[in-house]
Each structure stands twice: as structure tokens, then as C-alpha cells.
Protein backbone atom coordinates (compact mmCIF):
# COMPACT_ATOMS: atom_id res chain seq x y z
CA MET A 1 12.65 0.56 26.29
CA ALA A 2 9.79 2.97 25.59
CA THR A 3 7.38 2.79 22.63
CA TYR A 4 7.13 5.56 20.02
CA LYS A 5 4.85 6.16 17.05
CA ILE A 6 6.64 5.41 13.78
CA SER A 7 4.92 8.35 12.08
CA ASP A 8 6.31 10.75 14.72
CA ILE A 9 9.84 9.43 14.17
CA LEU A 10 9.52 9.57 10.37
CA LEU A 11 8.26 13.15 10.47
CA LYS A 12 11.11 14.24 12.74
CA LEU A 13 13.71 12.54 10.51
CA ALA A 14 12.10 14.06 7.41
CA GLU A 15 12.38 17.50 9.02
CA MET A 16 16.10 16.92 9.57
CA ILE A 17 16.59 15.64 6.02
CA GLU A 18 14.76 18.73 4.75
CA ASP A 19 17.35 20.79 6.68
CA ASP A 20 20.01 18.87 4.70
CA HIS A 21 21.36 16.78 7.59
CA THR A 22 22.68 13.29 6.94
CA PHE A 23 23.29 12.05 10.48
CA VAL A 24 21.35 12.14 13.71
CA GLU A 25 22.14 11.41 17.35
CA LEU A 26 19.25 9.76 19.14
CA LYS A 27 19.08 9.88 22.89
CA GLU A 28 16.36 8.35 25.00
CA TYR A 29 15.50 9.91 28.34
CA PRO A 30 13.68 7.75 30.88
CA GLU A 31 10.26 8.45 32.29
CA GLU A 32 10.32 10.90 35.22
CA ASP A 33 7.49 11.59 37.66
CA ASP A 34 4.45 12.32 35.48
CA SER A 35 6.46 12.89 32.28
CA PRO A 36 6.76 10.08 29.72
CA ALA A 37 10.06 8.85 28.37
CA LEU A 38 11.24 10.84 25.38
CA LEU A 39 13.44 10.48 22.34
CA SER A 40 15.59 13.45 21.40
CA PHE A 41 17.02 14.20 17.96
CA ASN A 42 20.27 16.15 17.58
CA VAL A 43 22.76 16.83 14.83
CA PRO A 44 26.12 15.36 15.90
CA VAL A 45 28.63 18.11 16.79
CA GLU A 46 31.10 16.85 14.16
CA CYS A 47 28.37 17.18 11.50
CA GLU A 48 27.32 20.73 12.30
CA ARG A 49 27.84 23.17 9.46
CA PRO A 50 29.07 26.72 10.02
CA ASP A 51 26.57 28.03 7.45
CA PHE A 52 23.62 26.44 9.23
CA ASP A 53 22.27 27.48 12.60
CA VAL A 54 21.54 24.06 14.08
CA SER A 55 17.94 23.93 15.09
CA ASP A 56 16.87 22.45 18.32
CA TYR A 57 14.63 19.64 17.14
CA GLU A 58 11.70 18.84 19.38
CA SER A 59 11.73 15.56 21.23
CA ILE A 60 9.10 12.89 20.81
CA ASP A 61 7.20 11.58 23.80
CA ALA A 62 6.81 7.86 24.33
CA CYS A 63 3.30 6.51 24.09
CA ASP A 64 1.20 3.56 25.14
CA PRO A 65 -0.08 1.64 22.07
CA ASN A 66 -3.12 0.56 24.10
CA ASP A 67 -4.10 4.14 24.90
CA PRO A 68 -6.78 5.39 22.46
CA VAL A 69 -5.18 8.86 22.45
CA SER A 70 -1.94 7.35 21.10
CA ASN A 71 -3.87 5.95 18.16
CA ASP A 72 -5.51 9.22 17.18
CA PRO A 73 -4.66 10.30 13.65
CA ILE A 74 -1.94 12.91 13.34
CA ALA A 75 -2.98 16.50 12.74
CA ILE A 76 -2.12 17.53 9.21
CA SER A 77 -2.42 20.46 6.88
CA GLN A 78 -2.25 20.41 3.09
CA ASP A 79 1.49 21.03 3.06
CA SER A 80 2.35 18.54 5.84
CA LEU A 81 4.78 15.76 5.08
CA CYS A 82 3.04 12.44 4.65
CA PRO A 83 4.66 9.70 6.76
CA ASN A 84 2.40 6.99 5.36
CA VAL A 85 3.67 6.96 1.77
CA LEU A 86 7.15 5.91 0.77
CA PHE A 87 8.10 5.84 -2.91
CA SER A 88 10.78 3.99 -4.82
CA TYR A 89 12.98 5.98 -7.21
CA ASP A 90 11.18 4.34 -10.14
CA GLU A 91 7.84 5.50 -8.76
CA ILE A 92 9.14 9.04 -8.33
CA SER A 93 10.38 8.97 -11.93
CA THR A 94 6.92 7.84 -12.99
CA LEU A 95 5.41 10.75 -11.08
CA GLU A 96 7.81 13.13 -12.84
CA LEU A 97 6.76 11.81 -16.26
CA SER A 98 3.08 11.96 -15.25
CA LEU A 99 3.45 15.60 -14.23
CA LYS A 100 5.16 16.50 -17.51
CA ASN A 101 2.44 14.77 -19.52
CA SER A 102 -0.35 16.32 -17.45
CA ILE A 103 1.07 19.81 -17.87
CA GLU A 104 1.34 19.34 -21.63
CA TYR A 105 -2.14 17.83 -21.94
CA LEU A 106 -3.85 20.46 -19.79
CA GLN A 107 -2.04 23.32 -21.51
CA ASN A 108 -3.10 21.99 -24.92
CA TYR A 109 -6.65 21.57 -23.68
CA ILE A 110 -7.04 25.09 -22.26
CA ASP A 111 -5.55 26.48 -25.49
CA SER A 112 -8.13 24.59 -27.56
CA PRO A 113 -11.46 26.11 -28.65
CA TYR A 114 -13.29 23.29 -26.81
CA CYS A 115 -12.27 24.48 -23.35
CA THR A 116 -14.90 26.60 -21.61
CA ARG A 117 -14.10 29.66 -19.51
CA ASP A 118 -14.99 27.78 -16.31
CA GLU A 119 -12.67 24.93 -17.26
CA LYS A 120 -9.84 27.36 -18.00
CA ASP A 121 -10.36 28.98 -14.60
CA HIS A 122 -10.29 25.55 -13.00
CA TYR A 123 -7.24 24.14 -14.81
CA ARG A 124 -4.91 27.17 -14.74
CA PRO A 125 -4.17 26.88 -10.99
CA VAL A 126 -3.74 23.10 -11.43
CA ILE A 127 -1.12 23.67 -14.14
CA ILE A 128 0.66 26.20 -11.90
CA ALA A 129 0.70 23.72 -9.02
CA PHE A 130 2.08 20.99 -11.32
CA ARG A 131 4.74 23.37 -12.69
CA ASN A 132 5.78 24.28 -9.15
CA LEU A 133 5.98 20.63 -8.07
CA LEU A 134 7.89 19.36 -11.13
CA PRO A 135 11.22 21.16 -10.40
CA LYS A 136 11.14 19.91 -6.82
CA ILE A 137 10.88 16.31 -8.05
CA GLN A 138 13.55 16.92 -10.70
CA ARG A 139 15.96 18.42 -8.15
CA PHE A 140 15.40 15.42 -5.92
CA LEU A 141 16.05 12.95 -8.74
CA LYS A 142 19.21 14.81 -9.86
CA SER A 143 20.60 14.87 -6.32
CA GLN A 144 20.39 11.09 -5.88
CA PRO A 145 23.31 8.82 -6.68
CA THR A 146 22.92 6.76 -9.82
CA ILE A 147 22.00 3.19 -9.19
């Protein structure tokens, strides 16, 4: 059995979840010549949806945990999924409440006579980012089964 980075697997599964898939077929292909073993991710045929053009998800190459290259940090951008943080539903609810409170507080502050022009210019994009994130969290919480 080959070894794979957990973060690579989590990111691939998150991509499939983002595409609204519930099931995955995993297939491992053995090492060949100079190519490492690989793990492929596919949507099972019986789970394909007619309204969704099933993407061909990239495979993940096996790695050697003792190889320094395998331990390099993953390349990320600001909008990359973060495979290192997993939240409970309670924590996500806390984040939702924190966003609501932050939006209200910041809006009240920039509307006050004490807020300088520079502060208003700084906080307006922050409020917009919070307002854009809040519905995403709320949609997620509404879509989950009640516990």
C-alpha cells in the first residue's frame, strides 16, 4: 500500500463535496516504471447527475514521508481551502454569531462621529467581506441535518 499526504486527500474530497457529490470511488494504481503509485477519485456511475457534467478529478501521487519534498508546505492562495482546520457545528455557529456581532459593531462604529476617514476606508471592505461570508455560513448551517 502506498503512502499519501492527508492534506492532498482532504483537499480532493473537499473539491468533490463543493461540487455537491456525496460518494466517491477510490482506486489505487500501482507504481509503474518511474511513476509513483496514485490514488484516483471518481464519482460512482450510479451517483452521476444528469444536470452535472462529471468532472475528471485529478489523481494524487503517492509520496515518501522521508523525502523532504513530500514534507514541503502546500502552495496556497487566499481563497484556497484549508485542510488543517476542521470545525464542529457548534464552532461554526459561534463563527456565525461572531460575524453578525462584528458587522453590527463595525457598522455602528463607522456611523459614529468618532470614526476617522482612514478608519472608515479600512473597515468598509472588512464589513463587505463579513457580509459576503455570513450567508455562506448560514447556508451551510441550514443544509445540515438537525442533531
